[in-house]
Amino acid sequence: MPQLNTSTWPITIMSMIMTLFIMFQLKISKHLYHLNPAPLTVESHKYTNPWEIKWTKIYSPLSLPLRQ
């Protein structure tokens, strides 16, 4: 059974990494960034739900005293 020739693998891997690096650099360099982004003001809506008016507390069954 013939052996697989791996002598060209390092140069293939290095050229692939360099090509990917160059492609990503070109892709990033063409991206337009905003120079001075302005904050966006978001208006919050106030919903009138009955459970928002009064304070409620939910007790965990494990924190309640034991009944005997």
C-alpha atoms as a PDB file:
ATOM      1  CA  MET A   1       0.000   0.000   0.000  1.00  0.00           C
ATOM      2  CA  PRO A   2       1.578   3.347  -1.015  1.00  0.00           C
ATOM      3  CA  GLN A   3       2.389   5.974   1.536  1.00  0.00           C
ATOM      4  CA  LEU A   4       0.622   9.333   1.452  1.00  0.00           C
ATOM      5  CA  ASN A   5       3.009  12.108   0.495  1.00  0.00           C
ATOM      6  CA  THR A   6       2.649  14.793   3.182  1.00  0.00           C
ATOM      7  CA  SER A   7       5.609  16.940   2.174  1.00  0.00           C
ATOM      8  CA  THR A   8       3.380  19.632   0.639  1.00  0.00           C
ATOM      9  CA  TRP A   9       0.948  19.872   3.569  1.00  0.00           C
ATOM     10  CA  PRO A  10       2.740  22.625   5.524  1.00  0.00           C
ATOM     11  CA  ILE A  11       2.940  24.949   2.525  1.00  0.00           C
ATOM     12  CA  THR A  12      -0.703  24.206   1.674  1.00  0.00           C
ATOM     13  CA  ILE A  13      -1.864  24.961   5.209  1.00  0.00           C
ATOM     14  CA  MET A  14       0.221  28.129   5.445  1.00  0.00           C
ATOM     15  CA  SER A  15      -1.011  29.429   2.102  1.00  0.00           C
ATOM     16  CA  MET A  16      -4.617  28.698   3.129  1.00  0.00           C
ATOM     17  CA  ILE A  17      -4.185  30.609   6.402  1.00  0.00           C
ATOM     18  CA  MET A  18      -2.578  33.542   4.616  1.00  0.00           C
ATOM     19  CA  THR A  19      -5.351  33.612   2.013  1.00  0.00           C
ATOM     20  CA  LEU A  20      -8.045  33.588   4.705  1.00  0.00           C
ATOM     21  CA  PHE A  21      -6.269  36.359   6.597  1.00  0.00           C
ATOM     22  CA  ILE A  22      -6.008  38.536   3.472  1.00  0.00           C
ATOM     23  CA  MET A  23      -9.640  37.905   2.554  1.00  0.00           C
ATOM     24  CA  PHE A  24     -10.829  38.886   6.036  1.00  0.00           C
ATOM     25  CA  GLN A  25      -8.661  42.000   6.007  1.00  0.00           C
ATOM     26  CA  LEU A  26     -10.146  43.051   2.674  1.00  0.00           C
ATOM     27  CA  LYS A  27     -13.664  42.362   3.899  1.00  0.00           C
ATOM     28  CA  ILE A  28     -13.148  44.374   7.094  1.00  0.00           C
ATOM     29  CA  SER A  29     -11.447  47.267   5.309  1.00  0.00           C
ATOM     30  CA  LYS A  30     -14.468  47.744   3.016  1.00  0.00           C
ATOM     31  CA  HIS A  31     -16.869  47.987   5.962  1.00  0.00           C
ATOM     32  CA  LEU A  32     -18.173  51.498   6.630  1.00  0.00           C
ATOM     33  CA  TYR A  33     -18.255  52.446  10.297  1.00  0.00           C
ATOM     34  CA  HIS A  34     -20.332  55.308  11.670  1.00  0.00           C
ATOM     35  CA  LEU A  35     -18.107  58.221  12.620  1.00  0.00           C
ATOM     36  CA  ASN A  36     -20.250  59.676  15.408  1.00  0.00           C
ATOM     37  CA  PRO A  37     -23.144  57.443  16.425  1.00  0.00           C
ATOM     38  CA  ALA A  38     -25.982  59.309  18.101  1.00  0.00           C
ATOM     39  CA  PRO A  39     -27.823  57.633  20.988  1.00  0.00           C
ATOM     40  CA  LEU A  40     -31.275  56.430  20.108  1.00  0.00           C
ATOM     41  CA  THR A  41     -34.023  57.504  22.503  1.00  0.00           C
ATOM     42  CA  VAL A  42     -36.620  54.844  23.042  1.00  0.00           C
ATOM     43  CA  GLU A  43     -39.945  55.813  24.525  1.00  0.00           C
ATOM     44  CA  SER A  44     -41.153  53.359  27.118  1.00  0.00           C
ATOM     45  CA  HIS A  45     -44.817  52.489  27.116  1.00  0.00           C
ATOM     46  CA  LYS A  46     -46.596  52.378  30.434  1.00  0.00           C
ATOM     47  CA  TYR A  47     -49.000  49.492  30.618  1.00  0.00           C
ATOM     48  CA  THR A  48     -51.760  49.612  33.200  1.00  0.00           C
ATOM     49  CA  ASN A  49     -51.955  46.125  34.594  1.00  0.00           C
ATOM     50  CA  PRO A  50     -53.565  45.496  37.963  1.00  0.00           C
ATOM     51  CA  TRP A  51     -50.499  43.641  39.260  1.00  0.00           C
ATOM     52  CA  GLU A  52     -48.239  46.648  38.616  1.00  0.00           C
ATOM     53  CA  ILE A  53     -50.240  48.887  40.978  1.00  0.00           C
ATOM     54  CA  LYS A  54     -49.909  46.867  44.163  1.00  0.00           C
ATOM     55  CA  TRP A  55     -46.888  45.140  45.619  1.00  0.00           C
ATOM     56  CA  THR A  56     -47.130  41.387  45.850  1.00  0.00           C
ATOM     57  CA  LYS A  57     -44.786  38.839  47.290  1.00  0.00           C
ATOM     58  CA  ILE A  58     -44.659  35.204  46.285  1.00  0.00           C
ATOM     59  CA  TYR A  59     -43.549  32.858  49.011  1.00  0.00           C
ATOM     60  CA  SER A  60     -41.627  29.720  48.235  1.00  0.00           C
ATOM     61  CA  PRO A  61     -43.207  26.630  49.828  1.00  0.00           C
ATOM     62  CA  LEU A  62     -39.839  25.719  51.349  1.00  0.00           C
ATOM     63  CA  SER A  63     -39.541  29.058  53.163  1.00  0.00           C
ATOM     64  CA  LEU A  64     -42.962  28.823  54.825  1.00  0.00           C
ATOM     65  CA  PRO A  65     -43.168  27.577  58.439  1.00  0.00           C
ATOM     66  CA  LEU A  66     -44.082  23.961  58.895  1.00  0.00           C
ATOM     67  CA  ARG A  67     -47.731  23.199  59.688  1.00  0.00           C
ATOM     68  CA  GLN A  68     -48.421  20.533  62.272  1.00  0.00           C
END
